[in-house]
Structures are given as C-alpha cells and as structure tokens.
Amino acid sequence: GTGPSSAHSGTKYAYTEMNGVSQNSVAFLTTENYNLPDTDLCLSFYYNMNGQDVDWLRVWLWNKNGPEADEVFTLSNNQGDVWYHQTITIPQKTYDLAIDFEVTKTSAKRKKKGDIALDDITLTSGACA
C-alpha cells in the first residue's frame, strides 16, 4: 500500500485513499470557524505523501464572513513514506477563520498509487518559531 506505515504519533491519522477515485476529485478536512484572538497563531501539522501518483495537498485560510481565501501551503508529488512537519504562522485577523486541508486528484488513472495523510494538527497562540 501507499498509505503511511504508521502514524506520526499514536495509532491514528487522517488520510485520503486515491485508488478508484475519479479524476479531479477533491477531499477537504475543515475546521470549525474560529473567532481569532488578538494575536498571531501557529498552525502545525505533519503530512505524508507517498506513492508514484500523489497529486496535491493545499492548506487554505478562509474568511467565513466573506468569500476570501488565502492559500498558505501547497505541495505536490511523491515525498516518500516519511512524515514531514510543517508550520504556518497565521497573522492576527479581525474576522472568523476556518482552515481547510485540501487533497486533489488530477490524474485520470483509476488505479492510482498514492495517498496523502495528516497527523498531529494543532493551532496554538503566538507566531511559529
């Protein structure tokens, strides 16, 4: 298989199964709306993108009071069966925010070999170190 050989920590993680999924399919993992404090925030997560046909992982910040969204992370292609750590500083805002993790399959292959997994997602006060 192309999913992670284990979780980054613990025994559970979220992942998308690409095998048998149609072209241009999109999966989202979305947070609830956050009423942000008057401070920067640090979004931290681990990702695993394994398999020859891995497509896209994107992270979006959405203003839930309007149509605006900012793409704050994007990566494509096979990264191997390794957990990578990513941090993103979210600047102080004055609106409600939701965070979307988006996985996109663009290949027409029905039997894709590639999965994208997420683990240990946290949001803490203060800019990322």
C-alpha atoms as a PDB file:
ATOM      1  CA  GLY A   1       0.000   0.000   0.000  1.00  0.00           C
ATOM      2  CA  THR A   2       0.883   3.641  -0.258  1.00  0.00           C
ATOM      3  CA  GLY A   3      -0.564   4.887   2.991  1.00  0.00           C
ATOM      4  CA  PRO A   4       1.811   5.621   5.876  1.00  0.00           C
ATOM      5  CA  SER A   5       3.435   2.585   7.500  1.00  0.00           C
ATOM      6  CA  SER A   6       2.425   4.089  10.877  1.00  0.00           C
ATOM      7  CA  ALA A   7       1.027   7.252  12.440  1.00  0.00           C
ATOM      8  CA  HIS A   8       3.401  10.099  13.226  1.00  0.00           C
ATOM      9  CA  SER A   9       2.431   9.689  16.879  1.00  0.00           C
ATOM     10  CA  GLY A  10      -0.128   7.440  18.484  1.00  0.00           C
ATOM     11  CA  THR A  11      -2.042   4.990  16.324  1.00  0.00           C
ATOM     12  CA  LYS A  12      -4.446   7.137  14.263  1.00  0.00           C
ATOM     13  CA  TYR A  13      -4.175   9.652  11.428  1.00  0.00           C
ATOM     14  CA  ALA A  14      -6.398  11.062   8.662  1.00  0.00           C
ATOM     15  CA  TYR A  15      -5.735  10.088   5.052  1.00  0.00           C
ATOM     16  CA  THR A  16      -7.233  10.074   1.578  1.00  0.00           C
ATOM     17  CA  GLU A  17      -7.458   6.898  -0.481  1.00  0.00           C
ATOM     18  CA  MET A  18      -6.744   7.681  -4.131  1.00  0.00           C
ATOM     19  CA  ASN A  19      -7.303   4.243  -5.661  1.00  0.00           C
ATOM     20  CA  GLY A  20     -10.561   4.110  -7.627  1.00  0.00           C
ATOM     21  CA  VAL A  21     -11.329   7.815  -7.202  1.00  0.00           C
ATOM     22  CA  SER A  22     -12.343   9.724 -10.355  1.00  0.00           C
ATOM     23  CA  GLN A  23     -10.261  12.462 -11.974  1.00  0.00           C
ATOM     24  CA  ASN A  24     -10.423  15.970 -10.431  1.00  0.00           C
ATOM     25  CA  SER A  25     -11.835  14.655  -7.147  1.00  0.00           C
ATOM     26  CA  VAL A  26     -11.246  16.835  -4.101  1.00  0.00           C
ATOM     27  CA  ALA A  27     -11.350  15.955  -0.402  1.00  0.00           C
ATOM     28  CA  PHE A  28     -11.411  18.511   2.419  1.00  0.00           C
ATOM     29  CA  LEU A  29     -10.662  18.363   6.114  1.00  0.00           C
ATOM     30  CA  THR A  30     -12.147  21.575   7.502  1.00  0.00           C
ATOM     31  CA  THR A  31     -12.049  23.135  10.951  1.00  0.00           C
ATOM     32  CA  GLU A  32     -14.919  24.884  12.631  1.00  0.00           C
ATOM     33  CA  ASN A  33     -14.941  28.679  12.478  1.00  0.00           C
ATOM     34  CA  TYR A  34     -12.526  30.283  14.909  1.00  0.00           C
ATOM     35  CA  ASN A  35     -13.123  33.708  16.400  1.00  0.00           C
ATOM     36  CA  LEU A  36      -9.476  34.664  16.495  1.00  0.00           C
ATOM     37  CA  PRO A  37      -7.767  36.291  19.463  1.00  0.00           C
ATOM     38  CA  ASP A  38      -5.735  39.476  19.074  1.00  0.00           C
ATOM     39  CA  THR A  39      -2.523  37.565  18.422  1.00  0.00           C
ATOM     40  CA  ASP A  40      -0.760  35.576  15.738  1.00  0.00           C
ATOM     41  CA  LEU A  41      -1.418  31.830  15.693  1.00  0.00           C
ATOM     42  CA  CYS A  42       0.754  28.866  14.770  1.00  0.00           C
ATOM     43  CA  LEU A  43      -0.757  26.063  12.698  1.00  0.00           C
ATOM     44  CA  SER A  44       1.384  22.936  12.988  1.00  0.00           C
ATOM     45  CA  PHE A  45       0.832  19.586  11.246  1.00  0.00           C
ATOM     46  CA  TYR A  46       2.589  16.530   9.871  1.00  0.00           C
ATOM     47  CA  TYR A  47       1.955  15.219   6.363  1.00  0.00           C
ATOM     48  CA  ASN A  48       2.846  12.036   4.483  1.00  0.00           C
ATOM     49  CA  MET A  49       2.572  11.994   0.676  1.00  0.00           C
ATOM     50  CA  ASN A  50       3.504   8.531  -0.551  1.00  0.00           C
ATOM     51  CA  GLY A  51       3.153   6.850  -3.946  1.00  0.00           C
ATOM     52  CA  GLN A  52       4.039   7.419  -7.587  1.00  0.00           C
ATOM     53  CA  ASP A  53       0.726   9.121  -8.396  1.00  0.00           C
ATOM     54  CA  VAL A  54       0.388  11.539  -5.449  1.00  0.00           C
ATOM     55  CA  ASP A  55      -1.201  14.815  -6.529  1.00  0.00           C
ATOM     56  CA  TRP A  56      -1.787  17.985  -4.436  1.00  0.00           C
ATOM     57  CA  LEU A  57      -2.003  18.937  -0.787  1.00  0.00           C
ATOM     58  CA  ARG A  58      -3.072  22.521  -0.115  1.00  0.00           C
ATOM     59  CA  VAL A  59      -3.923  24.442   3.044  1.00  0.00           C
ATOM     60  CA  TRP A  60      -6.363  27.366   2.862  1.00  0.00           C
ATOM     61  CA  LEU A  61      -7.369  30.014   5.380  1.00  0.00           C
ATOM     62  CA  TRP A  62     -10.995  31.066   4.842  1.00  0.00           C
ATOM     63  CA  ASN A  63     -12.699  34.220   5.988  1.00  0.00           C
ATOM     64  CA  LYS A  64     -16.108  32.829   6.910  1.00  0.00           C
ATOM     65  CA  ASN A  65     -17.625  36.339   6.760  1.00  0.00           C
ATOM     66  CA  GLY A  66     -16.859  36.605   3.050  1.00  0.00           C
ATOM     67  CA  PRO A  67     -15.567  34.755   0.004  1.00  0.00           C
ATOM     68  CA  GLU A  68     -11.878  35.447   0.600  1.00  0.00           C
ATOM     69  CA  ALA A  69      -9.395  32.591   0.997  1.00  0.00           C
ATOM     70  CA  ASP A  70      -5.624  32.537   1.227  1.00  0.00           C
ATOM     71  CA  GLU A  71      -3.637  29.522   0.066  1.00  0.00           C
ATOM     72  CA  VAL A  72      -0.869  29.248   2.679  1.00  0.00           C
ATOM     73  CA  PHE A  73       0.701  25.903   1.736  1.00  0.00           C
ATOM     74  CA  THR A  74       0.879  23.804  -1.422  1.00  0.00           C
ATOM     75  CA  LEU A  75       2.882  20.712  -2.301  1.00  0.00           C
ATOM     76  CA  SER A  76       2.632  18.000  -4.938  1.00  0.00           C
ATOM     77  CA  ASN A  77       4.262  14.719  -5.931  1.00  0.00           C
ATOM     78  CA  ASN A  78       5.647  11.735  -4.068  1.00  0.00           C
ATOM     79  CA  GLN A  79       7.520  12.647  -0.881  1.00  0.00           C
ATOM     80  CA  GLY A  80       8.031   9.025   0.232  1.00  0.00           C
ATOM     81  CA  ASP A  81       6.751   7.173   3.284  1.00  0.00           C
ATOM     82  CA  VAL A  82       8.050   9.861   5.636  1.00  0.00           C
ATOM     83  CA  TRP A  83       6.221  12.226   7.982  1.00  0.00           C
ATOM     84  CA  TYR A  84       7.217  15.852   7.349  1.00  0.00           C
ATOM     85  CA  HIS A  85       6.500  18.685   9.782  1.00  0.00           C
ATOM     86  CA  GLN A  86       5.049  21.986   8.561  1.00  0.00           C
ATOM     87  CA  THR A  87       4.284  25.159  10.495  1.00  0.00           C
ATOM     88  CA  ILE A  88       2.399  28.193   9.237  1.00  0.00           C
ATOM     89  CA  THR A  89       2.075  31.470  11.127  1.00  0.00           C
ATOM     90  CA  ILE A  90      -1.433  32.864  10.815  1.00  0.00           C
ATOM     91  CA  PRO A  91      -1.310  36.646  11.249  1.00  0.00           C
ATOM     92  CA  GLN A  92      -3.695  38.395  13.591  1.00  0.00           C
ATOM     93  CA  LYS A  93      -7.065  38.906  11.886  1.00  0.00           C
ATOM     94  CA  THR A  94     -10.314  40.579  12.818  1.00  0.00           C
ATOM     95  CA  TYR A  95     -12.678  38.020  11.274  1.00  0.00           C
ATOM     96  CA  ASP A  96     -13.785  34.436  11.825  1.00  0.00           C
ATOM     97  CA  LEU A  97     -11.469  31.899  10.265  1.00  0.00           C
ATOM     98  CA  ALA A  98     -11.722  28.307   9.095  1.00  0.00           C
ATOM     99  CA  ILE A  99      -8.806  26.167   7.950  1.00  0.00           C
ATOM    100  CA  ASP A 100      -9.160  23.752   5.002  1.00  0.00           C
ATOM    101  CA  PHE A 101      -6.762  20.949   4.194  1.00  0.00           C
ATOM    102  CA  GLU A 102      -7.450  20.110   0.519  1.00  0.00           C
ATOM    103  CA  VAL A 103      -6.315  16.983  -1.321  1.00  0.00           C
ATOM    104  CA  THR A 104      -6.841  16.941  -5.089  1.00  0.00           C
ATOM    105  CA  LYS A 105      -6.578  14.029  -7.523  1.00  0.00           C
ATOM    106  CA  THR A 106      -5.937  15.333 -11.047  1.00  0.00           C
ATOM    107  CA  SER A 107      -4.818  12.124 -12.764  1.00  0.00           C
ATOM    108  CA  ALA A 108      -7.226  10.195 -14.987  1.00  0.00           C
ATOM    109  CA  LYS A 109      -5.822   6.884 -13.704  1.00  0.00           C
ATOM    110  CA  ARG A 110      -8.472   4.907 -11.802  1.00  0.00           C
ATOM    111  CA  LYS A 111      -5.874   2.707 -10.093  1.00  0.00           C
ATOM    112  CA  LYS A 112      -3.723   5.434  -8.629  1.00  0.00           C
ATOM    113  CA  LYS A 113      -0.861   4.546  -6.358  1.00  0.00           C
ATOM    114  CA  GLY A 114      -0.641   7.346  -3.866  1.00  0.00           C
ATOM    115  CA  ASP A 115      -2.153   8.534  -0.608  1.00  0.00           C
ATOM    116  CA  ILE A 116      -1.888  11.718   1.430  1.00  0.00           C
ATOM    117  CA  ALA A 117      -2.127  11.588   5.228  1.00  0.00           C
ATOM    118  CA  LEU A 118      -2.242  14.201   8.022  1.00  0.00           C
ATOM    119  CA  ASP A 119      -1.423  13.828  11.711  1.00  0.00           C
ATOM    120  CA  ASP A 120      -0.901  15.899  14.858  1.00  0.00           C
ATOM    121  CA  ILE A 121      -2.695  19.047  13.681  1.00  0.00           C
ATOM    122  CA  THR A 122      -2.501  21.827  16.287  1.00  0.00           C
ATOM    123  CA  LEU A 123      -3.321  25.546  16.471  1.00  0.00           C
ATOM    124  CA  THR A 124      -1.574  27.486  19.231  1.00  0.00           C
ATOM    125  CA  SER A 125      -1.238  31.137  20.272  1.00  0.00           C
ATOM    126  CA  GLY A 126       1.790  33.047  19.031  1.00  0.00           C
ATOM    127  CA  ALA A 127       3.819  33.000  15.828  1.00  0.00           C
ATOM    128  CA  CYS A 128       5.563  29.777  14.851  1.00  0.00           C
ATOM    129  CA  ALA A 129       9.184  29.503  15.956  1.00  0.00           C
END
